[in-house]
Amino acid sequence: MDLIHQLAEEYSKKMTSPPDELLQENEAFTFANHAHAHMHSGLVQGKFLEMIAQMINPLKVLEIGTFTGFSALCLAKGLHEEGVLHTIELRQEDAEIAQQYFDKSGMSDKIKLHIGNAMDIIPTLNETWDLVFIDADKVSYIDYYELTLPRLRKGGWMLADNVLFHGQVLQNPVQGKNAKAISLFNEHVAKDKRVEQLLLTLRDGLMLIRKL
C-alpha cells in the first residue's frame, strides 16, 4: 500500500537539502547491488535523522540495524565532538559494506560497529544512551525497546522505523507476522506512561519517543 503520493515524495526530495557525495554513493551502491535495497533509509529520512541528531547533539547513540551504513552516517553527523555511535548489524556481509563506508567517512573512530545478535550485544554495552534508533527485525521491536529504555537517559530520545509497515498496520484485522509485531509495538509505546511519543507519517512511518 502506497501511503505517500509519489509526486509528494518526489517534491519532498527536491525541496530537501541534498546529501553529501558519500551518502549518495552509499545509496547508489545499495540500490544497484543489494537484494533488499528497499530497506535503505532514503535521502529524506536520512536528512531527518541527521537533523534530529544535530538538534540533540548526543554523546552516546545506539543504532539497532546498521544495514549498509547510511543511517549511521546520517546520525553521526550530529554527534557531540566527544560522542560515539554504536551500531549493531546481524548480517556479516552488510556489516562489511557498512564498515567500508565508515572508513571512507573519516568518522570511523566515532562509529563502533558490532556484528551479531542485538539481543546479546546490547546488554554488554555499558552506556547511558542519549538517542536510540531501532530499525531491525520487526518481531523484536518490543524487546529492543524494553532492553534499551532503562539505559536511555531521562529526557533522552528514541526513534523506531517502519511503524506503518507499508500501511499493513491500518488493515483490520492486521495480517502478517511483521505487521502484527509492529502494531503491537505501537500500542505498547502508546500505553507506556514512562514516555511520550509522536508517530510521524514520514516514508514508512517513524515513531519519535521521549523518555519522561
Protein backbone atom coordinates (compact mmCIF):
# COMPACT_ATOMS: atom_id res chain seq x y z
CA MET A 1 0.00 0.00 0.00
CA ASP A 2 1.43 3.39 -1.03
CA LEU A 3 0.72 5.81 1.82
CA ILE A 4 2.56 8.79 0.35
CA HIS A 5 1.66 10.14 -3.07
CA GLN A 6 4.57 9.61 -5.45
CA LEU A 7 4.51 13.23 -6.61
CA ALA A 8 4.59 14.43 -3.00
CA GLU A 9 7.54 12.15 -2.29
CA GLU A 10 9.47 13.45 -5.27
CA TYR A 11 8.65 17.05 -4.32
CA SER A 12 9.87 16.38 -0.79
CA LYS A 13 13.20 15.09 -2.14
CA LYS A 14 13.50 18.11 -4.42
CA MET A 15 12.94 20.55 -1.57
CA THR A 16 15.25 18.75 0.88
CA SER A 17 18.93 19.63 1.13
CA PRO A 18 20.91 17.04 -0.83
CA PRO A 19 23.14 14.50 0.94
CA ASP A 20 26.90 14.60 0.65
CA GLU A 21 28.74 12.60 -2.01
CA LEU A 22 29.47 9.64 0.27
CA LEU A 23 25.79 9.21 1.20
CA GLN A 24 24.83 9.44 -2.48
CA GLU A 25 27.44 6.78 -3.26
CA ASN A 26 26.11 4.55 -0.49
CA GLU A 27 22.54 4.83 -1.74
CA ALA A 28 23.53 4.18 -5.37
CA PHE A 29 25.64 1.16 -4.39
CA THR A 30 22.89 -0.30 -2.21
CA PHE A 31 20.19 0.02 -4.88
CA ALA A 32 22.48 -1.39 -7.56
CA ASN A 33 23.79 -4.35 -5.59
CA HIS A 34 21.57 -5.31 -2.64
CA ALA A 35 18.64 -7.70 -2.96
CA HIS A 36 16.85 -5.85 -0.14
CA ALA A 37 17.60 -2.29 -1.18
CA HIS A 38 14.09 -1.24 -0.11
CA MET A 39 15.43 -1.37 3.47
CA HIS A 40 17.60 1.68 2.72
CA SER A 41 16.56 4.73 4.74
CA GLY A 42 16.38 7.08 1.76
CA LEU A 43 17.55 10.65 1.33
CA VAL A 44 14.65 12.45 3.03
CA GLN A 45 14.60 10.20 6.07
CA GLY A 46 18.38 10.35 6.19
CA LYS A 47 18.29 14.15 6.37
CA PHE A 48 15.65 13.90 9.11
CA LEU A 49 17.89 11.58 11.16
CA GLU A 50 20.83 13.91 10.62
CA MET A 51 18.88 16.97 11.77
CA ILE A 52 17.40 15.20 14.81
CA ALA A 53 20.92 14.20 15.85
CA GLN A 54 22.17 17.74 15.27
CA MET A 55 19.40 19.11 17.49
CA ILE A 56 20.14 16.64 20.28
CA ASN A 57 23.95 16.69 19.82
CA PRO A 58 24.21 13.32 21.60
CA LEU A 59 27.22 11.88 23.36
CA LYS A 60 26.03 8.28 23.10
CA VAL A 61 23.91 6.88 20.27
CA LEU A 62 22.73 3.31 19.76
CA GLU A 63 21.50 2.11 16.37
CA ILE A 64 19.93 -1.34 16.14
CA GLY A 65 20.14 -2.42 12.50
CA THR A 66 23.07 -0.99 10.52
CA PHE A 67 22.21 -2.39 7.05
CA THR A 68 24.76 -0.80 4.67
CA GLY A 69 25.57 2.11 6.97
CA PHE A 70 23.56 5.02 5.53
CA SER A 71 21.52 5.86 8.63
CA ALA A 72 24.55 5.56 10.93
CA LEU A 73 26.45 8.04 8.78
CA CYS A 74 23.50 10.44 8.96
CA LEU A 75 23.18 10.14 12.74
CA ALA A 76 26.92 10.50 13.24
CA LYS A 77 26.81 13.95 11.64
CA GLY A 78 25.05 15.23 14.77
CA LEU A 79 27.32 13.64 17.36
CA HIS A 80 28.85 15.72 20.11
CA GLU A 81 32.55 16.32 19.43
CA GLU A 82 33.30 13.64 22.02
CA GLY A 83 30.36 11.46 21.00
CA VAL A 84 30.28 7.83 19.93
CA LEU A 85 27.69 5.91 17.92
CA HIS A 86 27.32 2.17 18.47
CA THR A 87 25.58 0.33 15.65
CA ILE A 88 24.62 -3.36 15.55
CA GLU A 89 24.23 -5.49 12.43
CA LEU A 90 23.32 -9.18 12.36
CA ARG A 91 24.49 -9.93 8.81
CA GLN A 92 28.24 -10.13 8.25
CA GLU A 93 28.06 -9.11 4.58
CA ASP A 94 26.05 -5.95 5.28
CA ALA A 95 28.35 -5.08 8.18
CA GLU A 96 31.40 -5.32 5.93
CA ILE A 97 29.84 -2.95 3.39
CA ALA A 98 28.89 -0.52 6.16
CA GLN A 99 32.40 -0.58 7.62
CA GLN A 100 33.86 0.36 4.24
CA TYR A 101 31.70 3.48 4.20
CA PHE A 102 32.50 4.29 7.83
CA ASP A 103 36.20 4.13 6.95
CA LYS A 104 35.67 6.43 3.96
CA SER A 105 33.73 8.93 6.07
CA GLY A 106 36.61 9.85 8.34
CA MET A 107 34.34 9.12 11.31
CA SER A 108 35.34 5.51 11.89
CA ASP A 109 36.75 6.47 15.30
CA LYS A 110 33.28 7.67 16.30
CA ILE A 111 31.26 4.76 14.84
CA LYS A 112 31.63 1.43 16.63
CA LEU A 113 30.20 -1.44 14.58
CA HIS A 114 29.09 -4.61 16.39
CA ILE A 115 28.30 -7.76 14.40
CA GLY A 116 25.85 -10.29 15.83
CA ASN A 117 22.50 -10.61 17.57
CA ALA A 118 21.41 -7.31 19.11
CA MET A 119 19.69 -9.10 22.00
CA ASP A 120 23.08 -10.50 23.01
CA ILE A 121 25.14 -7.39 22.28
CA ILE A 122 23.02 -4.63 23.87
CA PRO A 123 23.43 -5.91 27.47
CA THR A 124 27.22 -5.82 27.02
CA LEU A 125 27.24 -2.10 26.16
CA ASN A 126 27.62 -0.32 29.47
CA GLU A 127 26.39 3.07 28.28
CA THR A 128 23.69 5.60 29.06
CA TRP A 129 22.08 6.49 25.74
CA ASP A 130 21.05 9.95 24.58
CA LEU A 131 19.49 8.63 21.36
CA VAL A 132 18.41 5.15 20.25
CA PHE A 133 17.35 4.25 16.69
CA ILE A 134 15.51 0.94 16.20
CA ASP A 135 15.47 -0.35 12.62
CA ALA A 136 15.96 -4.11 12.76
CA ASP A 137 13.77 -7.24 12.77
CA LYS A 138 10.22 -6.16 13.46
CA VAL A 139 9.20 -9.05 15.71
CA SER A 140 11.80 -7.93 18.26
CA TYR A 141 10.87 -4.23 18.45
CA ILE A 142 9.23 -4.51 21.88
CA ASP A 143 12.23 -6.48 23.16
CA TYR A 144 14.66 -3.85 21.86
CA TYR A 145 12.52 -1.10 23.35
CA GLU A 146 12.38 -2.69 26.79
CA LEU A 147 16.06 -3.57 26.70
CA THR A 148 17.19 -0.04 25.87
CA LEU A 149 14.65 2.21 27.62
CA PRO A 150 16.15 1.66 31.13
CA ARG A 151 19.55 2.80 29.78
CA LEU A 152 18.09 5.82 27.97
CA ARG A 153 18.71 8.97 29.98
CA LYS A 154 15.75 10.91 31.34
CA GLY A 155 14.71 13.28 28.56
CA GLY A 156 16.51 11.07 26.05
CA TRP A 157 15.13 10.18 22.65
CA MET A 158 14.27 7.04 20.74
CA LEU A 159 13.29 6.59 17.09
CA ALA A 160 11.64 3.48 15.67
CA ASP A 161 11.42 2.98 11.91
CA ASN A 162 8.76 1.27 9.76
CA VAL A 163 5.97 1.80 12.28
CA LEU A 164 3.37 1.94 9.48
CA PHE A 165 4.88 -1.17 7.85
CA HIS A 166 3.77 -0.46 4.28
CA GLY A 167 0.31 0.51 5.53
CA GLN A 168 -0.38 -3.00 6.78
CA VAL A 169 -0.94 -1.80 10.37
CA LEU A 170 -4.01 0.05 9.04
CA GLN A 171 -5.73 -3.14 7.95
CA ASN A 172 -8.50 -4.66 10.05
CA PRO A 173 -7.58 -7.23 11.08
CA VAL A 174 -3.83 -6.71 10.85
CA GLN A 175 -2.28 -9.63 8.99
CA GLY A 176 1.24 -10.93 8.66
CA LYS A 177 3.87 -11.61 11.32
CA ASN A 178 5.80 -8.35 10.91
CA ALA A 179 2.74 -6.10 10.63
CA LYS A 180 1.23 -7.67 13.75
CA ALA A 181 4.52 -7.17 15.62
CA ILE A 182 4.69 -3.52 14.63
CA SER A 183 1.05 -2.95 15.54
CA LEU A 184 1.70 -4.44 18.98
CA PHE A 185 4.81 -2.29 19.36
CA ASN A 186 2.90 0.89 18.53
CA GLU A 187 0.20 0.03 21.06
CA HIS A 188 2.84 -0.90 23.65
CA VAL A 189 4.52 2.50 23.36
CA ALA A 190 1.20 4.37 23.30
CA LYS A 191 0.25 2.79 26.66
CA ASP A 192 3.65 3.33 28.29
CA LYS A 193 3.48 6.08 30.93
CA ARG A 194 7.29 6.31 31.03
CA VAL A 195 7.37 8.08 27.66
CA GLU A 196 5.58 10.43 25.31
CA GLN A 197 5.51 9.70 21.61
CA LEU A 198 4.70 11.05 18.17
CA LEU A 199 4.04 8.86 15.14
CA LEU A 200 5.29 10.62 12.02
CA THR A 201 3.98 9.64 8.58
CA LEU A 202 7.43 10.07 7.06
CA ARG A 203 8.22 7.39 4.50
CA ASP A 204 7.19 4.08 6.15
CA GLY A 205 6.43 5.72 9.48
CA LEU A 206 8.77 6.89 12.25
CA MET A 207 7.91 6.86 15.96
CA LEU A 208 9.62 9.66 17.89
CA ILE A 209 9.73 8.80 21.60
CA ARG A 210 10.95 10.86 24.58
CA LYS A 211 11.63 9.35 27.97
CA LEU A 212 9.91 11.27 30.76
